[in-house]
Amino acid sequence: MIKIRLFCAAGMSTGILVERMIKSARERGLEADIAAAPAAAMEEETQGIDVAFLGPQVRYKLDEAKKICGEKKIPVEVIPMADYGTMNGKNVLDLAMRLSGDKGQQ
């Protein structure tokens, strides 16, 4: 199972993208725990996760996210603007799989 968190300003604007990522995971037969959370809760919400994403609107928090996630050896990236803008759950899930070393395949 792969565990992914998407962080945004309030934890709500990424909801549609989360749903599309979950749908893509189901279509592939992957077990995935994917959820959105507010960036302010990053310290708590990164416990036990495999990949962290920041929504483009909170990209300014990338340095802070790298510090928090780096200590936990969690890859963290800003969601590509094109994929966020089109809510392309498949592409974001593909990126998460690459970042995690395909952990969802285990």
PDB file of N, CA and C in Angstrom:
ATOM      1  N   MET A   1       0.843  -1.189   0.000  1.00  0.00           N
ATOM      2  CA  MET A   1       0.000   0.000   0.000  1.00  0.00           C
ATOM      3  C   MET A   1       0.882   1.244   0.000  1.00  0.00           C
ATOM      4  N   ILE A   2       0.448   2.217  -0.780  1.00  0.00           N
ATOM      5  CA  ILE A   2       1.130   3.510  -0.809  1.00  0.00           C
ATOM      6  C   ILE A   2       0.258   4.533  -0.090  1.00  0.00           C
ATOM      7  N   LYS A   3       0.895   5.356   0.723  1.00  0.00           N
ATOM      8  CA  LYS A   3       0.176   6.377   1.488  1.00  0.00           C
ATOM      9  C   LYS A   3       0.673   7.748   1.029  1.00  0.00           C
ATOM     10  N   ILE A   4      -0.263   8.553   0.502  1.00  0.00           N
ATOM     11  CA  ILE A   4       0.062   9.847  -0.110  1.00  0.00           C
ATOM     12  C   ILE A   4      -0.769  10.940   0.554  1.00  0.00           C
ATOM     13  N   ARG A   5      -0.124  12.079   0.828  1.00  0.00           N
ATOM     14  CA  ARG A   5      -0.852  13.240   1.332  1.00  0.00           C
ATOM     15  C   ARG A   5      -0.611  14.420   0.408  1.00  0.00           C
ATOM     16  N   LEU A   6      -1.691  15.134   0.118  1.00  0.00           N
ATOM     17  CA  LEU A   6      -1.638  16.351  -0.683  1.00  0.00           C
ATOM     18  C   LEU A   6      -1.942  17.515   0.252  1.00  0.00           C
ATOM     19  N   PHE A   7      -1.008  18.439   0.342  1.00  0.00           N
ATOM     20  CA  PHE A   7      -1.166  19.580   1.242  1.00  0.00           C
ATOM     21  C   PHE A   7      -1.517  20.834   0.454  1.00  0.00           C
ATOM     22  N   CYS A   8      -2.520  21.551   0.958  1.00  0.00           N
ATOM     23  CA  CYS A   8      -2.910  22.808   0.322  1.00  0.00           C
ATOM     24  C   CYS A   8      -3.227  23.818   1.410  1.00  0.00           C
ATOM     25  N   ALA A   9      -3.784  24.944   1.029  1.00  0.00           N
ATOM     26  CA  ALA A   9      -4.008  26.032   1.985  1.00  0.00           C
ATOM     27  C   ALA A   9      -4.904  25.604   3.143  1.00  0.00           C
ATOM     28  N   ALA A  10      -6.022  24.955   2.846  1.00  0.00           N
ATOM     29  CA  ALA A  10      -6.940  24.561   3.914  1.00  0.00           C
ATOM     30  C   ALA A  10      -7.260  23.075   3.898  1.00  0.00           C
ATOM     31  N   GLY A  11      -6.685  22.336   2.954  1.00  0.00           N
ATOM     32  CA  GLY A  11      -6.963  20.908   2.872  1.00  0.00           C
ATOM     33  C   GLY A  11      -8.215  20.576   2.088  1.00  0.00           C
ATOM     34  N   MET A  12      -8.795  21.575   1.414  1.00  0.00           N
ATOM     35  CA  MET A  12     -10.033  21.321   0.690  1.00  0.00           C
ATOM     36  C   MET A  12      -9.871  21.433  -0.825  1.00  0.00           C
ATOM     37  N   SER A  13      -9.037  22.319  -1.302  1.00  0.00           N
ATOM     38  CA  SER A  13      -8.970  22.560  -2.744  1.00  0.00           C
ATOM     39  C   SER A  13      -8.400  21.389  -3.524  1.00  0.00           C
ATOM     40  N   THR A  14      -7.751  20.467  -2.854  1.00  0.00           N
ATOM     41  CA  THR A  14      -7.196  19.303  -3.550  1.00  0.00           C
ATOM     42  C   THR A  14      -8.151  18.115  -3.541  1.00  0.00           C
ATOM     43  N   GLY A  15      -9.328  18.280  -2.983  1.00  0.00           N
ATOM     44  CA  GLY A  15     -10.284  17.175  -2.862  1.00  0.00           C
ATOM     45  C   GLY A  15     -10.628  16.484  -4.168  1.00  0.00           C
ATOM     46  N   ILE A  16     -10.859  17.250  -5.210  1.00  0.00           N
ATOM     47  CA  ILE A  16     -11.193  16.652  -6.510  1.00  0.00           C
ATOM     48  C   ILE A  16     -10.010  15.844  -7.029  1.00  0.00           C
ATOM     49  N   LEU A  17      -8.812  16.398  -6.902  1.00  0.00           N
ATOM     50  CA  LEU A  17      -7.615  15.695  -7.354  1.00  0.00           C
ATOM     51  C   LEU A  17      -7.423  14.405  -6.564  1.00  0.00           C
ATOM     52  N   VAL A  18      -7.660  14.434  -5.271  1.00  0.00           N
ATOM     53  CA  VAL A  18      -7.565  13.224  -4.444  1.00  0.00           C
ATOM     54  C   VAL A  18      -8.516  12.165  -4.971  1.00  0.00           C
ATOM     55  N   GLU A  19      -9.764  12.540  -5.228  1.00  0.00           N
ATOM     56  CA  GLU A  19     -10.751  11.579  -5.734  1.00  0.00           C
ATOM     57  C   GLU A  19     -10.309  10.967  -7.063  1.00  0.00           C
ATOM     58  N   ARG A  20      -9.745  11.782  -7.927  1.00  0.00           N
ATOM     59  CA  ARG A  20      -9.285  11.264  -9.225  1.00  0.00           C
ATOM     60  C   ARG A  20      -8.070  10.356  -9.078  1.00  0.00           C
ATOM     61  N   MET A  21      -7.215  10.661  -8.104  1.00  0.00           N
ATOM     62  CA  MET A  21      -6.071   9.780  -7.828  1.00  0.00           C
ATOM     63  C   MET A  21      -6.552   8.434  -7.282  1.00  0.00           C
ATOM     64  N   ILE A  22      -7.526   8.473  -6.386  1.00  0.00           N
ATOM     65  CA  ILE A  22      -8.091   7.239  -5.831  1.00  0.00           C
ATOM     66  C   ILE A  22      -8.712   6.403  -6.938  1.00  0.00           C
ATOM     67  N   LYS A  23      -9.442   7.051  -7.828  1.00  0.00           N
ATOM     68  CA  LYS A  23     -10.061   6.338  -8.953  1.00  0.00           C
ATOM     69  C   LYS A  23      -8.985   5.679  -9.821  1.00  0.00           C
ATOM     70  N   SER A  24      -7.918   6.400 -10.106  1.00  0.00           N
ATOM     71  CA  SER A  24      -6.832   5.855 -10.914  1.00  0.00           C
ATOM     72  C   SER A  24      -6.181   4.664 -10.207  1.00  0.00           C
ATOM     73  N   ALA A  25      -5.990   4.768  -8.900  1.00  0.00           N
ATOM     74  CA  ALA A  25      -5.396   3.664  -8.135  1.00  0.00           C
ATOM     75  C   ALA A  25      -6.298   2.430  -8.201  1.00  0.00           C
ATOM     76  N   ARG A  26      -7.592   2.621  -8.038  1.00  0.00           N
ATOM     77  CA  ARG A  26      -8.540   1.491  -8.099  1.00  0.00           C
ATOM     78  C   ARG A  26      -8.504   0.829  -9.473  1.00  0.00           C
ATOM     79  N   GLU A  27      -8.464   1.648 -10.521  1.00  0.00           N
ATOM     80  CA  GLU A  27      -8.414   1.105 -11.881  1.00  0.00           C
ATOM     81  C   GLU A  27      -7.171   0.243 -12.102  1.00  0.00           C
ATOM     82  N   ARG A  28      -6.097   0.556 -11.404  1.00  0.00           N
ATOM     83  CA  ARG A  28      -4.842  -0.208 -11.515  1.00  0.00           C
ATOM     84  C   ARG A  28      -4.763  -1.366 -10.528  1.00  0.00           C
ATOM     85  N   GLY A  29      -5.735  -1.447  -9.635  1.00  0.00           N
ATOM     86  CA  GLY A  29      -5.700  -2.485  -8.613  1.00  0.00           C
ATOM     87  C   GLY A  29      -4.684  -2.205  -7.514  1.00  0.00           C
ATOM     88  N   LEU A  30      -4.355  -0.919  -7.316  1.00  0.00           N
ATOM     89  CA  LEU A  30      -3.386  -0.535  -6.287  1.00  0.00           C
ATOM     90  C   LEU A  30      -4.093  -0.220  -4.979  1.00  0.00           C
ATOM     91  N   GLU A  31      -3.496  -0.649  -3.888  1.00  0.00           N
ATOM     92  CA  GLU A  31      -3.982  -0.230  -2.578  1.00  0.00           C
ATOM     93  C   GLU A  31      -3.335   1.109  -2.277  1.00  0.00           C
ATOM     94  N   ALA A  32      -4.156   2.104  -2.012  1.00  0.00           N
ATOM     95  CA  ALA A  32      -3.623   3.442  -1.775  1.00  0.00           C
ATOM     96  C   ALA A  32      -4.450   4.160  -0.726  1.00  0.00           C
ATOM     97  N   ASP A  33      -3.745   4.882   0.134  1.00  0.00           N
ATOM     98  CA  ASP A  33      -4.363   5.757   1.125  1.00  0.00           C
ATOM     99  C   ASP A  33      -3.976   7.172   0.687  1.00  0.00           C
ATOM    100  N   ILE A  34      -4.919   7.869   0.068  1.00  0.00           N
ATOM    101  CA  ILE A  34      -4.657   9.190  -0.486  1.00  0.00           C
ATOM    102  C   ILE A  34      -5.639  10.168   0.142  1.00  0.00           C
ATOM    103  N   ALA A  35      -5.105  11.271   0.685  1.00  0.00           N
ATOM    104  CA  ALA A  35      -5.978  12.258   1.327  1.00  0.00           C
ATOM    105  C   ALA A  35      -5.360  13.642   1.219  1.00  0.00           C
ATOM    106  N   ALA A  36      -6.211  14.642   1.397  1.00  0.00           N
ATOM    107  CA  ALA A  36      -5.771  16.040   1.432  1.00  0.00           C
ATOM    108  C   ALA A  36      -5.706  16.499   2.875  1.00  0.00           C
ATOM    109  N   ALA A  37      -4.820  17.449   3.123  1.00  0.00           N
ATOM    110  CA  ALA A  37      -4.675  18.012   4.469  1.00  0.00           C
ATOM    111  C   ALA A  37      -4.188  19.448   4.347  1.00  0.00           C
ATOM    112  N   PRO A  38      -4.464  20.265   5.345  1.00  0.00           N
ATOM    113  CA  PRO A  38      -3.945  21.635   5.309  1.00  0.00           C
ATOM    114  C   PRO A  38      -2.430  21.634   5.521  1.00  0.00           C
ATOM    115  N   ALA A  39      -1.750  22.527   4.840  1.00  0.00           N
ATOM    116  CA  ALA A  39      -0.295  22.621   4.961  1.00  0.00           C
ATOM    117  C   ALA A  39       0.122  22.880   6.407  1.00  0.00           C
ATOM    118  N   ALA A  40      -0.711  23.550   7.167  1.00  0.00           N
ATOM    119  CA  ALA A  40      -0.388  23.834   8.569  1.00  0.00           C
ATOM    120  C   ALA A  40      -0.288  22.571   9.414  1.00  0.00           C
ATOM    121  N   ALA A  41      -0.855  21.457   8.927  1.00  0.00           N
ATOM    122  CA  ALA A  41      -0.832  20.193   9.673  1.00  0.00           C
ATOM    123  C   ALA A  41       0.228  19.228   9.143  1.00  0.00           C
ATOM    124  N   MET A  42       1.170  19.740   8.372  1.00  0.00           N
ATOM    125  CA  MET A  42       2.145  18.870   7.712  1.00  0.00           C
ATOM    126  C   MET A  42       2.952  18.008   8.688  1.00  0.00           C
ATOM    127  N   GLU A  43       3.364  18.574   9.792  1.00  0.00           N
ATOM    128  CA  GLU A  43       4.168  17.808  10.757  1.00  0.00           C
ATOM    129  C   GLU A  43       3.433  16.539  11.192  1.00  0.00           C
ATOM    130  N   GLU A  44       2.167  16.671  11.562  1.00  0.00           N
ATOM    131  CA  GLU A  44       1.381  15.524  12.023  1.00  0.00           C
ATOM    132  C   GLU A  44       0.970  14.611  10.871  1.00  0.00           C
ATOM    133  N   GLU A  45       0.565  15.208   9.763  1.00  0.00           N
ATOM    134  CA  GLU A  45       0.004  14.446   8.648  1.00  0.00           C
ATOM    135  C   GLU A  45       1.047  13.696   7.810  1.00  0.00           C
ATOM    136  N   THR A  46       2.320  13.913   8.078  1.00  0.00           N
ATOM    137  CA  THR A  46       3.345  13.188   7.325  1.00  0.00           C
ATOM    138  C   THR A  46       3.792  11.917   8.045  1.00  0.00           C
ATOM    139  N   GLN A  47       3.251  11.654   9.220  1.00  0.00           N
ATOM    140  CA  GLN A  47       3.617  10.435   9.945  1.00  0.00           C
ATOM    141  C   GLN A  47       3.195   9.209   9.140  1.00  0.00           C
ATOM    142  N   GLY A  48       4.151   8.369   8.803  1.00  0.00           N
ATOM    143  CA  GLY A  48       3.847   7.104   8.143  1.00  0.00           C
ATOM    144  C   GLY A  48       3.473   7.180   6.677  1.00  0.00           C
ATOM    145  N   ILE A  49       3.656   8.332   6.048  1.00  0.00           N
ATOM    146  CA  ILE A  49       3.303   8.417   4.626  1.00  0.00           C
ATOM    147  C   ILE A  49       4.510   8.091   3.755  1.00  0.00           C
ATOM    148  N   ASP A  50       4.235   7.818   2.483  1.00  0.00           N
ATOM    149  CA  ASP A  50       5.288   7.484   1.524  1.00  0.00           C
ATOM    150  C   ASP A  50       5.670   8.652   0.635  1.00  0.00           C
ATOM    151  N   VAL A  51       4.703   9.529   0.329  1.00  0.00           N
ATOM    152  CA  VAL A  51       4.934  10.665  -0.565  1.00  0.00           C
ATOM    153  C   VAL A  51       4.078  11.843  -0.100  1.00  0.00           C
ATOM    154  N   ALA A  52       4.665  13.043  -0.176  1.00  0.00           N
ATOM    155  CA  ALA A  52       3.927  14.268   0.147  1.00  0.00           C
ATOM    156  C   ALA A  52       3.938  15.181  -1.080  1.00  0.00           C
ATOM    157  N   PHE A  53       2.806  15.798  -1.328  1.00  0.00           N
ATOM    158  CA  PHE A  53       2.698  16.785  -2.401  1.00  0.00           C
ATOM    159  C   PHE A  53       2.194  18.095  -1.824  1.00  0.00           C
ATOM    160  N   LEU A  54       2.658  19.193  -2.409  1.00  0.00           N
ATOM    161  CA  LEU A  54       2.121  20.510  -2.096  1.00  0.00           C
ATOM    162  C   LEU A  54       1.308  20.986  -3.285  1.00  0.00           C
ATOM    163  N   GLY A  55       0.146  21.569  -3.014  1.00  0.00           N
ATOM    164  CA  GLY A  55      -0.603  22.209  -4.077  1.00  0.00           C
ATOM    165  C   GLY A  55       0.165  23.433  -4.547  1.00  0.00           C
ATOM    166  N   PRO A  56       0.006  23.804  -5.815  1.00  0.00           N
ATOM    167  CA  PRO A  56       0.734  24.962  -6.338  1.00  0.00           C
ATOM    168  C   PRO A  56       0.525  26.239  -5.524  1.00  0.00           C
ATOM    169  N   GLN A  57      -0.641  26.387  -4.889  1.00  0.00           N
ATOM    170  CA  GLN A  57      -0.930  27.594  -4.124  1.00  0.00           C
ATOM    171  C   GLN A  57      -0.108  27.705  -2.844  1.00  0.00           C
ATOM    172  N   VAL A  58       0.520  26.599  -2.409  1.00  0.00           N
ATOM    173  CA  VAL A  58       1.370  26.637  -1.215  1.00  0.00           C
ATOM    174  C   VAL A  58       2.815  26.246  -1.543  1.00  0.00           C
ATOM    175  N   ARG A  59       3.190  26.438  -2.791  1.00  0.00           N
ATOM    176  CA  ARG A  59       4.563  26.089  -3.205  1.00  0.00           C
ATOM    177  C   ARG A  59       5.605  26.869  -2.407  1.00  0.00           C
ATOM    178  N   TYR A  60       5.213  28.015  -1.876  1.00  0.00           N
ATOM    179  CA  TYR A  60       6.133  28.819  -1.060  1.00  0.00           C
ATOM    180  C   TYR A  60       6.534  28.083   0.222  1.00  0.00           C
ATOM    181  N   LYS A  61       5.837  27.019   0.583  1.00  0.00           N
ATOM    182  CA  LYS A  61       6.164  26.238   1.768  1.00  0.00           C
ATOM    183  C   LYS A  61       7.094  25.060   1.450  1.00  0.00           C
ATOM    184  N   LEU A  62       7.615  25.007   0.226  1.00  0.00           N
ATOM    185  CA  LEU A  62       8.431  23.858  -0.179  1.00  0.00           C
ATOM    186  C   LEU A  62       9.665  23.678   0.701  1.00  0.00           C
ATOM    187  N   ASP A  63      10.352  24.755   1.047  1.00  0.00           N
ATOM    188  CA  ASP A  63      11.542  24.610   1.902  1.00  0.00           C
ATOM    189  C   ASP A  63      11.167  24.012   3.262  1.00  0.00           C
ATOM    190  N   GLU A  64      10.087  24.502   3.841  1.00  0.00           N
ATOM    191  CA  GLU A  64       9.614  23.964   5.123  1.00  0.00           C
ATOM    192  C   GLU A  64       9.222  22.494   4.974  1.00  0.00           C
ATOM    193  N   ALA A  65       8.530  22.179   3.871  1.00  0.00           N
ATOM    194  CA  ALA A  65       8.104  20.799   3.626  1.00  0.00           C
ATOM    195  C   ALA A  65       9.308  19.874   3.452  1.00  0.00           C
ATOM    196  N   LYS A  66      10.330  20.349   2.752  1.00  0.00           N
ATOM    197  CA  LYS A  66      11.528  19.529   2.564  1.00  0.00           C
ATOM    198  C   LYS A  66      12.219  19.257   3.896  1.00  0.00           C
ATOM    199  N   LYS A  67      12.193  20.221   4.792  1.00  0.00           N
ATOM    200  CA  LYS A  67      12.795  20.022   6.112  1.00  0.00           C
ATOM    201  C   LYS A  67      12.006  18.965   6.890  1.00  0.00           C
ATOM    202  N   ILE A  68      10.699  19.128   6.960  1.00  0.00           N
ATOM    203  CA  ILE A  68       9.846  18.186   7.692  1.00  0.00           C
ATOM    204  C   ILE A  68       9.935  16.792   7.082  1.00  0.00           C
ATOM    205  N   CYS A  69       9.778  16.717   5.756  1.00  0.00           N
ATOM    206  CA  CYS A  69       9.764  15.419   5.086  1.00  0.00           C
ATOM    207  C   CYS A  69      11.155  14.802   4.994  1.00  0.00           C
ATOM    208  N   GLY A  70      12.165  15.644   4.840  1.00  0.00           N
ATOM    209  CA  GLY A  70      13.534  15.138   4.740  1.00  0.00           C
ATOM    210  C   GLY A  70      13.955  14.396   5.992  1.00  0.00           C
ATOM    211  N   GLU A  71      13.567  14.914   7.138  1.00  0.00           N
ATOM    212  CA  GLU A  71      13.881  14.257   8.409  1.00  0.00           C
ATOM    213  C   GLU A  71      13.231  12.882   8.500  1.00  0.00           C
ATOM    214  N   LYS A  72      12.120  12.704   7.781  1.00  0.00           N
ATOM    215  CA  LYS A  72      11.375  11.436   7.808  1.00  0.00           C
ATOM    216  C   LYS A  72      11.647  10.594   6.557  1.00  0.00           C
ATOM    217  N   LYS A  73      12.549  11.091   5.706  1.00  0.00           N
ATOM    218  CA  LYS A  73      12.904  10.409   4.452  1.00  0.00           C
ATOM    219  C   LYS A  73      11.682  10.187   3.543  1.00  0.00           C
ATOM    220  N   ILE A  74      10.874  11.236   3.449  1.00  0.00           N
ATOM    221  CA  ILE A  74       9.671  11.219   2.612  1.00  0.00           C
ATOM    222  C   ILE A  74       9.905  12.145   1.431  1.00  0.00           C
ATOM    223  N   PRO A  75       9.761  11.647   0.193  1.00  0.00           N
ATOM    224  CA  PRO A  75       9.876  12.560  -0.942  1.00  0.00           C
ATOM    225  C   PRO A  75       8.723  13.555  -0.951  1.00  0.00           C
ATOM    226  N   VAL A  76       9.038  14.796  -1.321  1.00  0.00           N
ATOM    227  CA  VAL A  76       8.020  15.839  -1.378  1.00  0.00           C
ATOM    228  C   VAL A  76       8.232  16.660  -2.644  1.00  0.00           C
ATOM    229  N   GLU A  77       7.151  16.962  -3.321  1.00  0.00           N
ATOM    230  CA  GLU A  77       7.186  17.751  -4.561  1.00  0.00           C
ATOM    231  C   GLU A  77       5.967  18.653  -4.607  1.00  0.00           C
ATOM    232  N   VAL A  78       6.077  19.704  -5.391  1.00  0.00           N
ATOM    233  CA  VAL A  78       4.914  20.538  -5.710  1.00  0.00           C
ATOM    234  C   VAL A  78       4.195  19.852  -6.873  1.00  0.00           C
ATOM    235  N   ILE A  79       2.885  19.765  -6.781  1.00  0.00           N
ATOM    236  CA  ILE A  79       2.099  19.164  -7.871  1.00  0.00           C
ATOM    237  C   ILE A  79       2.297  20.021  -9.117  1.00  0.00           C
ATOM    238  N   PRO A  80       2.665  19.402 -10.243  1.00  0.00           N
ATOM    239  CA  PRO A  80       2.841  20.184 -11.473  1.00  0.00           C
ATOM    240  C   PRO A  80       1.565  20.973 -11.802  1.00  0.00           C
ATOM    241  N   MET A  81       1.746  22.243 -12.141  1.00  0.00           N
ATOM    242  CA  MET A  81       0.616  23.137 -12.388  1.00  0.00           C
ATOM    243  C   MET A  81      -0.326  22.595 -13.468  1.00  0.00           C
ATOM    244  N   ALA A  82       0.213  22.020 -14.525  1.00  0.00           N
ATOM    245  CA  ALA A  82      -0.644  21.485 -15.598  1.00  0.00           C
ATOM    246  C   ALA A  82      -1.534  20.366 -15.070  1.00  0.00           C
ATOM    247  N   ASP A  83      -0.978  19.494 -14.245  1.00  0.00           N
ATOM    248  CA  ASP A  83      -1.766  18.385 -13.707  1.00  0.00           C
ATOM    249  C   ASP A  83      -2.763  18.869 -12.662  1.00  0.00           C
ATOM    250  N   TYR A  84      -2.373  19.865 -11.871  1.00  0.00           N
ATOM    251  CA  TYR A  84      -3.287  20.426 -10.874  1.00  0.00           C
ATOM    252  C   TYR A  84      -4.434  21.151 -11.574  1.00  0.00           C
ATOM    253  N   GLY A  85      -4.092  21.942 -12.576  1.00  0.00           N
ATOM    254  CA  GLY A  85      -5.106  22.716 -13.295  1.00  0.00           C
ATOM    255  C   GLY A  85      -6.138  21.856 -13.996  1.00  0.00           C
ATOM    256  N   THR A  86      -5.710  20.688 -14.482  1.00  0.00           N
ATOM    257  CA  THR A  86      -6.628  19.785 -15.179  1.00  0.00           C
ATOM    258  C   THR A  86      -7.132  18.677 -14.260  1.00  0.00           C
ATOM    259  N   MET A  87      -6.692  18.710 -12.980  1.00  0.00           N
ATOM    260  CA  MET A  87      -7.070  17.677 -12.005  1.00  0.00           C
ATOM    261  C   MET A  87      -6.761  16.280 -12.545  1.00  0.00           C
ATOM    262  N   ASN A  88      -5.555  16.124 -13.085  1.00  0.00           N
ATOM    263  CA  ASN A  88      -5.139  14.857 -13.700  1.00  0.00           C
ATOM    264  C   ASN A  88      -4.602  13.908 -12.629  1.00  0.00           C
ATOM    265  N   GLY A  89      -5.498  13.166 -12.012  1.00  0.00           N
ATOM    266  CA  GLY A  89      -5.147  12.238 -10.950  1.00  0.00           C
ATOM    267  C   GLY A  89      -4.202  11.148 -11.399  1.00  0.00           C
ATOM    268  N   LYS A  90      -4.335  10.699 -12.636  1.00  0.00           N
ATOM    269  CA  LYS A  90      -3.464   9.644 -13.158  1.00  0.00           C
ATOM    270  C   LYS A  90      -2.016  10.111 -13.175  1.00  0.00           C
ATOM    271  N   ASN A  91      -1.770  11.299 -13.701  1.00  0.00           N
ATOM    272  CA  ASN A  91      -0.393  11.798 -13.773  1.00  0.00           C
ATOM    273  C   ASN A  91       0.212  12.026 -12.385  1.00  0.00           C
ATOM    274  N   VAL A  92      -0.583  12.558 -11.464  1.00  0.00           N
ATOM    275  CA  VAL A  92      -0.060  12.806 -10.123  1.00  0.00           C
ATOM    276  C   VAL A  92       0.208  11.478  -9.411  1.00  0.00           C
ATOM    277  N   LEU A  93      -0.662  10.492  -9.611  1.00  0.00           N
ATOM    278  CA  LEU A  93      -0.417   9.167  -9.041  1.00  0.00           C
ATOM    279  C   LEU A  93       0.837   8.544  -9.655  1.00  0.00           C
ATOM    280  N   ASP A  94       1.012   8.697 -10.969  1.00  0.00           N
ATOM    281  CA  ASP A  94       2.235   8.199 -11.630  1.00  0.00           C
ATOM    282  C   ASP A  94       3.478   8.820 -10.995  1.00  0.00           C
ATOM    283  N   LEU A  95       3.433  10.121 -10.740  1.00  0.00           N
ATOM    284  CA  LEU A  95       4.560  10.810 -10.118  1.00  0.00           C
ATOM    285  C   LEU A  95       4.797  10.270  -8.709  1.00  0.00           C
ATOM    286  N   ALA A  96       3.733  10.071  -7.966  1.00  0.00           N
ATOM    287  CA  ALA A  96       3.867   9.521  -6.606  1.00  0.00           C
ATOM    288  C   ALA A  96       4.511   8.139  -6.637  1.00  0.00           C
ATOM    289  N   MET A  97       4.115   7.336  -7.594  1.00  0.00           N
ATOM    290  CA  MET A  97       4.687   5.987  -7.706  1.00  0.00           C
ATOM    291  C   MET A  97       6.178   6.059  -8.002  1.00  0.00           C
ATOM    292  N   ARG A  98       6.562   6.957  -8.890  1.00  0.00           N
ATOM    293  CA  ARG A  98       7.994   7.113  -9.199  1.00  0.00           C
ATOM    294  C   ARG A  98       8.766   7.595  -7.977  1.00  0.00           C
ATOM    295  N   LEU A  99       8.216   8.589  -7.276  1.00  0.00           N
ATOM    296  CA  LEU A  99       8.884   9.131  -6.101  1.00  0.00           C
ATOM    297  C   LEU A  99       9.040   8.094  -4.981  1.00  0.00           C
ATOM    298  N   SER A 100       8.062   7.206  -4.885  1.00  0.00           N
ATOM    299  CA  SER A 100       8.072   6.205  -3.813  1.00  0.00           C
ATOM    300  C   SER A 100       8.873   4.962  -4.189  1.00  0.00           C
ATOM    301  N   GLY A 101       9.338   4.910  -5.432  1.00  0.00           N
ATOM    302  CA  GLY A 101       9.999   3.683  -5.888  1.00  0.00           C
ATOM    303  C   GLY A 101       8.989   2.587  -6.145  1.00  0.00           C
ATOM    304  N   ASP A 102       7.791   2.973  -6.601  1.00  0.00           N
ATOM    305  CA  ASP A 102       6.698   2.035  -6.898  1.00  0.00           C
ATOM    306  C   ASP A 102       6.259   1.240  -5.685  1.00  0.00           C
ATOM    307  N   LYS A 103       6.265   1.853  -4.519  1.00  0.00           N
ATOM    308  CA  LYS A 103       5.881   1.181  -3.285  1.00  0.00           C
ATOM    309  C   LYS A 103       4.489   0.547  -3.386  1.00  0.00           C
ATOM    310  N   GLY A 104       3.615   1.152  -4.138  1.00  0.00           N
ATOM    311  CA  GLY A 104       2.255   0.604  -4.270  1.00  0.00           C
ATOM    312  C   GLY A 104       2.208  -0.733  -4.981  1.00  0.00           C
ATOM    313  N   GLN A 105       3.293  -1.102  -5.631  1.00  0.00           N
ATOM    314  CA  GLN A 105       3.322  -2.374  -6.347  1.00  0.00           C
ATOM    315  C   GLN A 105       3.655  -3.549  -5.433  1.00  0.00           C
ATOM    316  N   GLN A 106       4.120  -3.259  -4.217  1.00  0.00           N
ATOM    317  CA  GLN A 106       4.554  -4.331  -3.318  1.00  0.00           C
ATOM    318  C   GLN A 106       3.389  -5.070  -2.733  1.00  0.00           C
TER     319      GLN A 106
END
